Amino acid sequence: MNWVKALLVFTVLILGCADLVTTNRILDLGFGEANPFMQMAQAWFGVWWLIPKLGLTFVVMALLWRSKNLFNIAMVVAFCSTPVINNLLIIAGAN
């Protein structure tokens, strides 16, 4: 069970990094951030907005590591994949 849990928590980190990369690509294409909290972080921190984004990713990882329910962890991982999938669809539609 621990290796599955570790893999799921590590997947959250990968998805967080993928979200950063795809969001930066969307911003380079001239689109804006849809999440109002990340809009605020971008306005306050400028190019360093990725620090609160990754900080939130690490908080989610820590909370998931404390969970004992693999199903709930997997559900959160699936939820974390939706922004990445959405960003990829936007990038594909823009090209």
C-alpha atoms as a PDB file:
ATOM      1  CA  MET A   1       0.000   0.000   0.000  1.00  0.00           C
ATOM      2  CA  ASN A   2       2.806   2.472   0.807  1.00  0.00           C
ATOM      3  CA  TRP A   3       4.340   2.330  -2.674  1.00  0.00           C
ATOM      4  CA  VAL A   4       0.926   3.033  -4.245  1.00  0.00           C
ATOM      5  CA  LYS A   5       0.393   5.938  -1.882  1.00  0.00           C
ATOM      6  CA  ALA A   6       3.889   7.266  -2.611  1.00  0.00           C
ATOM      7  CA  LEU A   7       3.281   6.985  -6.354  1.00  0.00           C
ATOM      8  CA  LEU A   8      -0.035   8.851  -6.085  1.00  0.00           C
ATOM      9  CA  VAL A   9       1.494  11.624  -3.974  1.00  0.00           C
ATOM     10  CA  PHE A  10       4.443  11.902  -6.375  1.00  0.00           C
ATOM     11  CA  THR A  11       1.933  12.143  -9.237  1.00  0.00           C
ATOM     12  CA  VAL A  12       0.487  15.259  -7.570  1.00  0.00           C
ATOM     13  CA  LEU A  13       3.952  16.845  -7.749  1.00  0.00           C
ATOM     14  CA  ILE A  14       4.293  15.925 -11.426  1.00  0.00           C
ATOM     15  CA  LEU A  15       0.823  17.311 -12.158  1.00  0.00           C
ATOM     16  CA  GLY A  16       1.653  20.527 -10.287  1.00  0.00           C
ATOM     17  CA  CYS A  17       4.775  21.000 -12.397  1.00  0.00           C
ATOM     18  CA  ALA A  18       2.843  20.159 -15.570  1.00  0.00           C
ATOM     19  CA  ASP A  19       0.235  22.745 -14.603  1.00  0.00           C
ATOM     20  CA  LEU A  20       2.976  25.362 -14.217  1.00  0.00           C
ATOM     21  CA  VAL A  21       4.481  24.552 -17.613  1.00  0.00           C
ATOM     22  CA  THR A  22       1.166  24.492 -19.462  1.00  0.00           C
ATOM     23  CA  THR A  23      -0.066  27.651 -17.722  1.00  0.00           C
ATOM     24  CA  ASN A  24       3.112  29.484 -18.725  1.00  0.00           C
ATOM     25  CA  ARG A  25       2.576  28.315 -22.309  1.00  0.00           C
ATOM     26  CA  ILE A  26      -0.990  29.632 -22.233  1.00  0.00           C
ATOM     27  CA  LEU A  27       0.225  32.967 -20.874  1.00  0.00           C
ATOM     28  CA  ASP A  28       2.844  33.096 -23.648  1.00  0.00           C
ATOM     29  CA  LEU A  29       0.047  32.580 -26.183  1.00  0.00           C
ATOM     30  CA  GLY A  30      -1.664  35.709 -24.859  1.00  0.00           C
ATOM     31  CA  PHE A  31      -4.416  34.074 -22.831  1.00  0.00           C
ATOM     32  CA  GLY A  32      -5.030  34.809 -19.153  1.00  0.00           C
ATOM     33  CA  GLU A  33      -5.236  32.807 -15.974  1.00  0.00           C
ATOM     34  CA  ALA A  34      -8.752  31.529 -15.212  1.00  0.00           C
ATOM     35  CA  ASN A  35      -8.189  30.882 -11.487  1.00  0.00           C
ATOM     36  CA  PRO A  36      -8.808  34.121  -9.552  1.00  0.00           C
ATOM     37  CA  PHE A  37      -6.408  33.101  -6.768  1.00  0.00           C
ATOM     38  CA  MET A  38      -3.600  32.515  -9.249  1.00  0.00           C
ATOM     39  CA  GLN A  39      -4.493  35.801 -10.997  1.00  0.00           C
ATOM     40  CA  MET A  40      -3.981  37.502  -7.656  1.00  0.00           C
ATOM     41  CA  ALA A  41      -0.690  35.648  -7.125  1.00  0.00           C
ATOM     42  CA  GLN A  42       0.470  36.696 -10.596  1.00  0.00           C
ATOM     43  CA  ALA A  43      -0.448  40.316  -9.866  1.00  0.00           C
ATOM     44  CA  TRP A  44       1.317  40.317  -6.495  1.00  0.00           C
ATOM     45  CA  PHE A  45       4.384  38.211  -7.259  1.00  0.00           C
ATOM     46  CA  GLY A  46       4.905  38.825 -10.980  1.00  0.00           C
ATOM     47  CA  VAL A  47       7.127  36.176 -12.532  1.00  0.00           C
ATOM     48  CA  TRP A  48       7.529  34.570  -9.082  1.00  0.00           C
ATOM     49  CA  TRP A  49       3.861  33.519  -8.976  1.00  0.00           C
ATOM     50  CA  LEU A  50       5.015  29.926  -9.302  1.00  0.00           C
ATOM     51  CA  ILE A  51       6.211  29.937  -5.669  1.00  0.00           C
ATOM     52  CA  PRO A  52       2.703  30.065  -4.135  1.00  0.00           C
ATOM     53  CA  LYS A  53       1.508  27.618  -6.795  1.00  0.00           C
ATOM     54  CA  LEU A  54       4.187  25.069  -5.915  1.00  0.00           C
ATOM     55  CA  GLY A  55       3.687  25.830  -2.226  1.00  0.00           C
ATOM     56  CA  LEU A  56       0.047  24.857  -2.556  1.00  0.00           C
ATOM     57  CA  THR A  57       1.113  21.682  -4.364  1.00  0.00           C
ATOM     58  CA  PHE A  58       3.394  20.752  -1.464  1.00  0.00           C
ATOM     59  CA  VAL A  59       0.602  21.420   1.055  1.00  0.00           C
ATOM     60  CA  VAL A  60      -1.701  19.095  -0.896  1.00  0.00           C
ATOM     61  CA  MET A  61       1.048  16.452  -1.005  1.00  0.00           C
ATOM     62  CA  ALA A  62       1.561  16.681   2.766  1.00  0.00           C
ATOM     63  CA  LEU A  63      -2.153  16.352   3.442  1.00  0.00           C
ATOM     64  CA  LEU A  64      -2.451  13.398   1.092  1.00  0.00           C
ATOM     65  CA  TRP A  65       0.483  11.667   2.753  1.00  0.00           C
ATOM     66  CA  ARG A  66      -1.387  11.801   6.054  1.00  0.00           C
ATOM     67  CA  SER A  67      -4.467  10.162   4.532  1.00  0.00           C
ATOM     68  CA  LYS A  68      -4.988   6.448   4.959  1.00  0.00           C
ATOM     69  CA  ASN A  69      -7.653   6.076   2.254  1.00  0.00           C
ATOM     70  CA  LEU A  70      -6.144   5.289  -1.159  1.00  0.00           C
ATOM     71  CA  PHE A  71      -9.448   5.897  -2.916  1.00  0.00           C
ATOM     72  CA  ASN A  72      -9.631   9.456  -1.594  1.00  0.00           C
ATOM     73  CA  ILE A  73      -6.003  10.061  -2.542  1.00  0.00           C
ATOM     74  CA  ALA A  74      -6.693   8.792  -6.062  1.00  0.00           C
ATOM     75  CA  MET A  75      -9.723  11.078  -6.321  1.00  0.00           C
ATOM     76  CA  VAL A  76      -7.603  14.108  -5.396  1.00  0.00           C
ATOM     77  CA  VAL A  77      -4.987  13.079  -7.971  1.00  0.00           C
ATOM     78  CA  ALA A  78      -7.722  12.842 -10.607  1.00  0.00           C
ATOM     79  CA  PHE A  79      -8.975  16.291  -9.582  1.00  0.00           C
ATOM     80  CA  CYS A  80      -5.428  17.692  -9.825  1.00  0.00           C
ATOM     81  CA  SER A  81      -5.171  16.387 -13.391  1.00  0.00           C
ATOM     82  CA  THR A  82      -8.134  18.428 -14.646  1.00  0.00           C
ATOM     83  CA  PRO A  83      -6.297  21.798 -14.907  1.00  0.00           C
ATOM     84  CA  VAL A  84      -3.487  20.142 -16.865  1.00  0.00           C
ATOM     85  CA  ILE A  85      -5.926  18.480 -19.257  1.00  0.00           C
ATOM     86  CA  ASN A  86      -7.811  21.759 -19.668  1.00  0.00           C
ATOM     87  CA  ASN A  87      -4.575  23.645 -20.338  1.00  0.00           C
ATOM     88  CA  LEU A  88      -3.525  21.078 -22.946  1.00  0.00           C
ATOM     89  CA  LEU A  89      -6.882  21.437 -24.694  1.00  0.00           C
ATOM     90  CA  ILE A  90      -6.519  25.224 -24.748  1.00  0.00           C
ATOM     91  CA  ILE A  91      -2.982  24.969 -26.134  1.00  0.00           C
ATOM     92  CA  ALA A  92      -4.115  22.481 -28.792  1.00  0.00           C
ATOM     93  CA  GLY A  93      -7.014  24.721 -29.767  1.00  0.00           C
ATOM     94  CA  ALA A  94      -4.754  27.758 -30.051  1.00  0.00           C
ATOM     95  CA  ASN A  95      -2.362  26.010 -32.456  1.00  0.00           C
END
